[in-house]
PDB file of all heavy atoms in Angstrom:
ATOM      1  N   ARG A   1     103.258 119.402  85.621  1.00  0.00           N
ATOM      2  CA  ARG A   1     102.769 120.452  86.513  1.00  0.00           C
ATOM      3  C   ARG A   1     103.887 120.998  87.406  1.00  0.00           C
ATOM      4  O   ARG A   1     103.795 122.122  87.891  1.00  0.00           O
ATOM      5  CB  ARG A   1     101.606 119.938  87.369  1.00  0.00           C
ATOM      6  CG  ARG A   1     101.922 118.734  88.241  1.00  0.00           C
ATOM      7  CD  ARG A   1     100.763 118.379  89.143  1.00  0.00           C
ATOM      8  NE  ARG A   1     101.009 117.120  89.840  1.00  0.00           N
ATOM      9  CZ  ARG A   1     100.390 116.777  90.966  1.00  0.00           C
ATOM     10  NH1 ARG A   1      99.516 117.603  91.526  1.00  0.00           N
ATOM     11  NH2 ARG A   1     100.649 115.614  91.542  1.00  0.00           N
ATOM     12  N   TYR A   2     104.908 120.202  87.653  1.00  0.00           N
ATOM     13  CA  TYR A   2     106.072 120.672  88.407  1.00  0.00           C
ATOM     14  C   TYR A   2     107.230 121.050  87.484  1.00  0.00           C
ATOM     15  O   TYR A   2     107.884 122.078  87.668  1.00  0.00           O
ATOM     16  CB  TYR A   2     106.538 119.598  89.393  1.00  0.00           C
ATOM     17  CG  TYR A   2     105.573 119.350  90.525  1.00  0.00           C
ATOM     18  CD1 TYR A   2     104.828 118.174  90.587  1.00  0.00           C
ATOM     19  CD2 TYR A   2     105.388 120.292  91.522  1.00  0.00           C
ATOM     20  CE1 TYR A   2     103.933 117.947  91.620  1.00  0.00           C
ATOM     21  CE2 TYR A   2     104.498 120.083  92.560  1.00  0.00           C
ATOM     22  CZ  TYR A   2     103.775 118.898  92.601  1.00  0.00           C
ATOM     23  OH  TYR A   2     102.884 118.689  93.630  1.00  0.00           O
ATOM     24  N   ALA A   3     107.501 120.210  86.495  1.00  0.00           N
ATOM     25  CA  ALA A   3     108.643 120.439  85.619  1.00  0.00           C
ATOM     26  C   ALA A   3     108.525 121.755  84.857  1.00  0.00           C
ATOM     27  O   ALA A   3     109.536 122.428  84.604  1.00  0.00           O
ATOM     28  CB  ALA A   3     108.789 119.274  84.635  1.00  0.00           C
ATOM     29  N   SER A   4     107.312 122.149  84.487  1.00  0.00           N
ATOM     30  CA  SER A   4     107.140 123.394  83.736  1.00  0.00           C
ATOM     31  C   SER A   4     107.508 124.611  84.572  1.00  0.00           C
ATOM     32  O   SER A   4     107.920 125.641  84.039  1.00  0.00           O
ATOM     33  CB  SER A   4     105.697 123.521  83.235  1.00  0.00           C
ATOM     34  OG  SER A   4     104.779 123.449  84.309  1.00  0.00           O
ATOM     35  N   LEU A   5     107.390 124.507  85.894  1.00  0.00           N
ATOM     36  CA  LEU A   5     107.774 125.614  86.769  1.00  0.00           C
ATOM     37  C   LEU A   5     109.274 125.868  86.666  1.00  0.00           C
ATOM     38  O   LEU A   5     109.731 127.014  86.654  1.00  0.00           O
ATOM     39  CB  LEU A   5     107.390 125.305  88.221  1.00  0.00           C
ATOM     40  CG  LEU A   5     107.680 126.414  89.245  1.00  0.00           C
ATOM     41  CD1 LEU A   5     106.767 127.607  89.010  1.00  0.00           C
ATOM     42  CD2 LEU A   5     107.501 125.886  90.669  1.00  0.00           C
ATOM     43  N   GLN A   6     110.025 124.780  86.561  1.00  0.00           N
ATOM     44  CA  GLN A   6     111.481 124.903  86.453  1.00  0.00           C
ATOM     45  C   GLN A   6     111.874 125.603  85.156  1.00  0.00           C
ATOM     46  O   GLN A   6     112.846 126.373  85.111  1.00  0.00           O
ATOM     47  CB  GLN A   6     112.121 123.521  86.521  1.00  0.00           C
ATOM     48  CG  GLN A   6     113.624 123.531  86.705  1.00  0.00           C
ATOM     49  CD  GLN A   6     114.191 122.134  86.788  1.00  0.00           C
ATOM     50  OE1 GLN A   6     113.944 121.298  85.917  1.00  0.00           O
ATOM     51  NE2 GLN A   6     114.931 121.848  87.846  1.00  0.00           N
ATOM     52  N   LYS A   7     111.124 125.383  84.090  1.00  0.00           N
ATOM     53  CA  LYS A   7     111.421 126.015  82.803  1.00  0.00           C
ATOM     54  C   LYS A   7     111.013 127.491  82.795  1.00  0.00           C
ATOM     55  O   LYS A   7     111.719 128.341  82.265  1.00  0.00           O
ATOM     56  CB  LYS A   7     110.696 125.275  81.676  1.00  0.00           C
ATOM     57  CG  LYS A   7     111.269 123.900  81.371  1.00  0.00           C
ATOM     58  CD  LYS A   7     110.573 123.283  80.172  1.00  0.00           C
ATOM     59  CE  LYS A   7     111.191 121.927  79.827  1.00  0.00           C
ATOM     60  NZ  LYS A   7     110.535 121.312  78.649  1.00  0.00           N
ATOM     61  N   LEU A   8     109.851 127.763  83.388  1.00  0.00           N
ATOM     62  CA  LEU A   8     109.318 129.124  83.343  1.00  0.00           C
ATOM     63  C   LEU A   8     109.953 130.037  84.387  1.00  0.00           C
ATOM     64  O   LEU A   8     110.249 131.200  84.108  1.00  0.00           O
ATOM     65  CB  LEU A   8     107.794 129.084  83.541  1.00  0.00           C
ATOM     66  CG  LEU A   8     106.986 128.381  82.452  1.00  0.00           C
ATOM     67  CD1 LEU A   8     105.536 128.206  82.890  1.00  0.00           C
ATOM     68  CD2 LEU A   8     107.044 129.181  81.153  1.00  0.00           C
ATOM     69  N   PHE A   9     110.113 129.521  85.588  1.00  0.00           N
ATOM     70  CA  PHE A   9     110.630 130.336  86.696  1.00  0.00           C
ATOM     71  C   PHE A   9     111.701 129.539  87.450  1.00  0.00           C
ATOM     72  O   PHE A   9     111.463 129.039  88.553  1.00  0.00           O
ATOM     73  CB  PHE A   9     109.495 130.717  87.657  1.00  0.00           C
ATOM     74  CG  PHE A   9     108.306 131.350  86.980  1.00  0.00           C
ATOM     75  CD1 PHE A   9     107.159 130.597  86.692  1.00  0.00           C
ATOM     76  CD2 PHE A   9     108.331 132.689  86.617  1.00  0.00           C
ATOM     77  CE1 PHE A   9     106.073 131.180  86.071  1.00  0.00           C
ATOM     78  CE2 PHE A   9     107.241 133.278  86.002  1.00  0.00           C
ATOM     79  CZ  PHE A   9     106.113 132.527  85.717  1.00  0.00           C
ATOM     80  N   PRO A  10     112.902 129.380  86.863  1.00  0.00           N
ATOM     81  CA  PRO A  10     113.922 128.500  87.461  1.00  0.00           C
ATOM     82  C   PRO A  10     114.332 128.876  88.882  1.00  0.00           C
ATOM     83  O   PRO A  10     114.537 127.986  89.712  1.00  0.00           O
ATOM     84  CB  PRO A  10     115.099 128.627  86.484  1.00  0.00           C
ATOM     85  CG  PRO A  10     114.817 129.840  85.656  1.00  0.00           C
ATOM     86  CD  PRO A  10     113.349 129.977  85.605  1.00  0.00           C
ATOM     87  N   GLN A  11     114.438 130.161  89.172  1.00  0.00           N
ATOM     88  CA  GLN A  11     114.861 130.559  90.521  1.00  0.00           C
ATOM     89  C   GLN A  11     113.774 130.265  91.554  1.00  0.00           C
ATOM     90  O   GLN A  11     114.036 129.705  92.616  1.00  0.00           O
ATOM     91  CB  GLN A  11     115.219 132.044  90.543  1.00  0.00           C
ATOM     92  CG  GLN A  11     116.482 132.368  89.749  1.00  0.00           C
ATOM     93  CD  GLN A  11     116.838 133.834  89.843  1.00  0.00           C
ATOM     94  OE1 GLN A  11     116.007 134.688  90.123  1.00  0.00           O
ATOM     95  NE2 GLN A  11     118.111 134.138  89.586  1.00  0.00           N
ATOM     96  N   GLU A  12     112.542 130.648  91.224  1.00  0.00           N
ATOM     97  CA  GLU A  12     111.427 130.386  92.137  1.00  0.00           C
ATOM     98  C   GLU A  12     111.178 128.886  92.287  1.00  0.00           C
ATOM     99  O   GLU A  12     110.784 128.416  93.361  1.00  0.00           O
ATOM    100  CB  GLU A  12     110.146 131.066  91.627  1.00  0.00           C
ATOM    101  CG  GLU A  12     110.171 132.577  91.656  1.00  0.00           C
ATOM    102  CD  GLU A  12     110.780 133.169  90.389  1.00  0.00           C
ATOM    103  OE1 GLU A  12     111.444 132.405  89.636  1.00  0.00           O
ATOM    104  OE2 GLU A  12     110.610 134.377  90.164  1.00  0.00           O
ATOM    105  N   ALA A  13     111.436 128.143  91.214  1.00  0.00           N
ATOM    106  CA  ALA A  13     111.174 126.703  91.236  1.00  0.00           C
ATOM    107  C   ALA A  13     111.990 126.004  92.309  1.00  0.00           C
ATOM    108  O   ALA A  13     111.472 125.150  93.045  1.00  0.00           O
ATOM    109  CB  ALA A  13     111.472 126.090  89.867  1.00  0.00           C
ATOM    110  N   GLU A  14     113.263 126.338  92.422  1.00  0.00           N
ATOM    111  CA  GLU A  14     114.113 125.673  93.408  1.00  0.00           C
ATOM    112  C   GLU A  14     113.580 125.871  94.825  1.00  0.00           C
ATOM    113  O   GLU A  14     113.528 124.938  95.623  1.00  0.00           O
ATOM    114  CB  GLU A  14     115.545 126.193  93.301  1.00  0.00           C
ATOM    115  CG  GLU A  14     116.323 125.633  92.125  1.00  0.00           C
ATOM    116  CD  GLU A  14     116.307 124.114  92.095  1.00  0.00           C
ATOM    117  OE1 GLU A  14     116.661 123.480  93.119  1.00  0.00           O
ATOM    118  OE2 GLU A  14     115.928 123.544  91.053  1.00  0.00           O
ATOM    119  N   ALA A  15     113.179 127.113  95.128  1.00  0.00           N
ATOM    120  CA  ALA A  15     112.657 127.399  96.467  1.00  0.00           C
ATOM    121  C   ALA A  15     111.349 126.664  96.717  1.00  0.00           C
ATOM    122  O   ALA A  15     111.120 126.117  97.810  1.00  0.00           O
ATOM    123  CB  ALA A  15     112.457 128.900  96.636  1.00  0.00           C
ATOM    124  N   LEU A  16     110.478 126.615  95.698  1.00  0.00           N
ATOM    125  CA  LEU A  16     109.178 125.952  95.868  1.00  0.00           C
ATOM    126  C   LEU A  16     109.317 124.431  95.907  1.00  0.00           C
ATOM    127  O   LEU A  16     108.590 123.753  96.638  1.00  0.00           O
ATOM    128  CB  LEU A  16     108.225 126.377  94.748  1.00  0.00           C
ATOM    129  CG  LEU A  16     107.636 127.784  94.895  1.00  0.00           C
ATOM    130  CD1 LEU A  16     106.825 128.170  93.666  1.00  0.00           C
ATOM    131  CD2 LEU A  16     106.758 127.885  96.142  1.00  0.00           C
ATOM    132  N   PHE A  17     110.263 123.878  95.117  1.00  0.00           N
ATOM    133  CA  PHE A  17     110.499 122.434  95.186  1.00  0.00           C
ATOM    134  C   PHE A  17     110.987 122.047  96.576  1.00  0.00           C
ATOM    135  O   PHE A  17     110.583 121.035  97.149  1.00  0.00           O
ATOM    136  CB  PHE A  17     111.532 122.009  94.144  1.00  0.00           C
ATOM    137  CG  PHE A  17     111.026 122.012  92.733  1.00  0.00           C
ATOM    138  CD1 PHE A  17     111.913 121.946  91.663  1.00  0.00           C
ATOM    139  CD2 PHE A  17     109.661 122.091  92.451  1.00  0.00           C
ATOM    140  CE1 PHE A  17     111.445 121.948  90.354  1.00  0.00           C
ATOM    141  CE2 PHE A  17     109.194 122.103  91.148  1.00  0.00           C
ATOM    142  CZ  PHE A  17     110.090 122.034  90.097  1.00  0.00           C
ATOM    143  N   GLU A  18     111.858 122.869  97.107  1.00  0.00           N
ATOM    144  CA  GLU A  18     112.373 122.618  98.452  1.00  0.00           C
ATOM    145  C   GLU A  18     111.246 122.706  99.478  1.00  0.00           C
ATOM    146  O   GLU A  18     111.173 121.901 100.407  1.00  0.00           O
ATOM    147  CB  GLU A  18     113.467 123.636  98.785  1.00  0.00           C
ATOM    148  CG  GLU A  18     114.158 123.379 100.112  1.00  0.00           C
ATOM    149  CD  GLU A  18     115.276 124.362 100.383  1.00  0.00           C
ATOM    150  OE1 GLU A  18     115.874 124.871  99.407  1.00  0.00           O
ATOM    151  OE2 GLU A  18     115.551 124.620 101.572  1.00  0.00           O
ATOM    152  N   LYS A  19     110.349 123.664  99.281  1.00  0.00           N
ATOM    153  CA  LYS A  19     109.232 123.837 100.208  1.00  0.00           C
ATOM    154  C   LYS A  19     108.276 122.648 100.157  1.00  0.00           C
ATOM    155  O   LYS A  19     107.860 122.116 101.202  1.00  0.00           O
ATOM    156  CB  LYS A  19     108.453 125.120  99.890  1.00  0.00           C
ATOM    157  CG  LYS A  19     107.177 125.277 100.726  1.00  0.00           C
ATOM    158  CD  LYS A  19     106.469 126.583 100.480  1.00  0.00           C
ATOM    159  CE  LYS A  19     105.110 126.616 101.145  1.00  0.00           C
ATOM    160  NZ  LYS A  19     105.125 126.241 102.562  1.00  0.00           N
ATOM    161  N   THR A  20     107.904 122.196  98.957  1.00  0.00           N
ATOM    162  CA  THR A  20     106.929 121.103  98.875  1.00  0.00           C
ATOM    163  C   THR A  20     107.514 119.803  99.419  1.00  0.00           C
ATOM    164  O   THR A  20     106.805 119.001 100.032  1.00  0.00           O
ATOM    165  CB  THR A  20     106.412 120.920  97.431  1.00  0.00           C
ATOM    166  OG1 THR A  20     105.199 120.158  97.466  1.00  0.00           O
ATOM    167  CG2 THR A  20     107.412 120.238  96.532  1.00  0.00           C
ATOM    168  N   GLU A  21     108.849 119.606  99.253  1.00  0.00           N
ATOM    169  CA  GLU A  21     109.483 118.425  99.848  1.00  0.00           C
ATOM    170  C   GLU A  21     109.505 118.548 101.368  1.00  0.00           C
ATOM    171  O   GLU A  21     109.222 117.589 102.092  1.00  0.00           O
ATOM    172  CB  GLU A  21     110.896 118.249  99.316  1.00  0.00           C
ATOM    173  CG  GLU A  21     111.574 116.998  99.838  1.00  0.00           C
ATOM    174  CD  GLU A  21     112.884 116.677  99.141  1.00  0.00           C
ATOM    175  OE1 GLU A  21     113.317 117.465  98.272  1.00  0.00           O
ATOM    176  OE2 GLU A  21     113.474 115.623  99.458  1.00  0.00           O
ATOM    177  N   LYS A  22     109.809 119.746 101.851  1.00  0.00           N
ATOM    178  CA  LYS A  22     109.820 119.987 103.302  1.00  0.00           C
ATOM    179  C   LYS A  22     108.425 119.797 103.883  1.00  0.00           C
ATOM    180  O   LYS A  22     108.256 119.200 104.954  1.00  0.00           O
ATOM    181  CB  LYS A  22     110.311 121.411 103.578  1.00  0.00           C
ATOM    182  CG  LYS A  22     110.454 121.745 105.043  1.00  0.00           C
ATOM    183  CD  LYS A  22     110.974 123.169 105.222  1.00  0.00           C
ATOM    184  CE  LYS A  22     111.066 123.536 106.697  1.00  0.00           C
ATOM    185  NZ  LYS A  22     111.531 124.941 106.877  1.00  0.00           N
ATOM    186  N   ASP A  23     107.405 120.266 103.167  1.00  0.00           N
ATOM    187  CA  ASP A  23     106.017 120.097 103.622  1.00  0.00           C
ATOM    188  C   ASP A  23     105.651 118.619 103.718  1.00  0.00           C
ATOM    189  O   ASP A  23     105.009 118.179 104.671  1.00  0.00           O
ATOM    190  CB  ASP A  23     105.045 120.795 102.659  1.00  0.00           C
ATOM    191  CG  ASP A  23     105.144 122.313 102.707  1.00  0.00           C
ATOM    192  OD1 ASP A  23     105.694 122.844 103.689  1.00  0.00           O
ATOM    193  OD2 ASP A  23     104.665 122.961 101.748  1.00  0.00           O
ATOM    194  N   ALA A  24     106.067 117.843 102.711  1.00  0.00           N
ATOM    195  CA  ALA A  24     105.763 116.405 102.694  1.00  0.00           C
ATOM    196  C   ALA A  24     106.463 115.695 103.847  1.00  0.00           C
ATOM    197  O   ALA A  24     105.875 114.825 104.501  1.00  0.00           O
ATOM    198  CB  ALA A  24     106.177 115.796 101.363  1.00  0.00           C
ATOM    199  N   ARG A  25     107.723 116.051 104.097  1.00  0.00           N
ATOM    200  CA  ARG A  25     108.459 115.436 105.205  1.00  0.00           C
ATOM    201  C   ARG A  25     107.805 115.778 106.547  1.00  0.00           C
ATOM    202  O   ARG A  25     107.672 114.925 107.430  1.00  0.00           O
ATOM    203  CB  ARG A  25     109.912 115.930 105.218  1.00  0.00           C
ATOM    204  CG  ARG A  25     110.693 115.644 103.949  1.00  0.00           C
ATOM    205  CD  ARG A  25     111.033 114.178 103.792  1.00  0.00           C
ATOM    206  NE  ARG A  25     111.867 113.951 102.615  1.00  0.00           N
ATOM    207  CZ  ARG A  25     111.645 113.033 101.704  1.00  0.00           C
ATOM    208  NH1 ARG A  25     110.601 112.233 101.823  1.00  0.00           N
ATOM    209  NH2 ARG A  25     112.446 112.879 100.668  1.00  0.00           N
ATOM    210  N   ALA A  26     107.405 117.049 106.691  1.00  0.00           N
ATOM    211  CA  ALA A  26     106.759 117.473 107.941  1.00  0.00           C
ATOM    212  C   ALA A  26     105.438 116.754 108.143  1.00  0.00           C
ATOM    213  O   ALA A  26     105.075 116.366 109.267  1.00  0.00           O
ATOM    214  CB  ALA A  26     106.552 118.984 107.923  1.00  0.00           C
ATOM    215  N   ARG A  27     104.709 116.549 107.045  1.00  0.00           N
ATOM    216  CA  ARG A  27     103.426 115.851 107.125  1.00  0.00           C
ATOM    217  C   ARG A  27     103.647 114.414 107.584  1.00  0.00           C
ATOM    218  O   ARG A  27     102.929 113.915 108.457  1.00  0.00           O
ATOM    219  CB  ARG A  27     102.739 115.895 105.762  1.00  0.00           C
ATOM    220  CG  ARG A  27     101.291 115.443 105.765  1.00  0.00           C
ATOM    221  CD  ARG A  27     100.551 115.936 104.539  1.00  0.00           C
ATOM    222  NE  ARG A  27     101.238 115.640 103.287  1.00  0.00           N
ATOM    223  CZ  ARG A  27     101.696 116.558 102.450  1.00  0.00           C
ATOM    224  NH1 ARG A  27     101.583 117.848 102.728  1.00  0.00           N
ATOM    225  NH2 ARG A  27     102.289 116.198 101.315  1.00  0.00           N
ATOM    226  N   ARG A  28     104.647 113.765 107.023  1.00  0.00           N
ATOM    227  CA  ARG A  28     104.934 112.389 107.438  1.00  0.00           C
ATOM    228  C   ARG A  28     105.363 112.334 108.902  1.00  0.00           C
ATOM    229  O   ARG A  28     104.948 111.438 109.641  1.00  0.00           O
ATOM    230  CB  ARG A  28     106.016 111.779 106.549  1.00  0.00           C
ATOM    231  CG  ARG A  28     106.324 110.341 106.958  1.00  0.00           C
ATOM    232  CD  ARG A  28     107.433 109.704 106.167  1.00  0.00           C
ATOM    233  NE  ARG A  28     107.756 108.409 106.757  1.00  0.00           N
ATOM    234  CZ  ARG A  28     107.106 107.278 106.518  1.00  0.00           C
ATOM    235  NH1 ARG A  28     106.080 107.267 105.689  1.00  0.00           N
ATOM    236  NH2 ARG A  28     107.458 106.157 107.108  1.00  0.00           N
ATOM    237  N   GLN A  29     106.187 113.281 109.322  1.00  0.00           N
ATOM    238  CA  GLN A  29     106.639 113.300 110.705  1.00  0.00           C
ATOM    239  C   GLN A  29     105.476 113.488 111.677  1.00  0.00           C
ATOM    240  O   GLN A  29     105.479 112.943 112.783  1.00  0.00           O
ATOM    241  CB  GLN A  29     107.682 114.405 110.909  1.00  0.00           C
ATOM    242  CG  GLN A  29     109.060 114.046 110.389  1.00  0.00           C
ATOM    243  CD  GLN A  29     109.566 112.723 110.953  1.00  0.00           C
ATOM    244  OE1 GLN A  29     109.581 112.497 112.159  1.00  0.00           O
ATOM    245  NE2 GLN A  29     109.980 111.832 110.056  1.00  0.00           N
TER     246      GLN A  29
END
């Protein structure tokens, strides 16, 4: 569900991967 985004939309994937990691870190904080 995540890896396919990198194949289909590589540029958008990097930004969204960064966002979901940032969201998870913020949630933990």
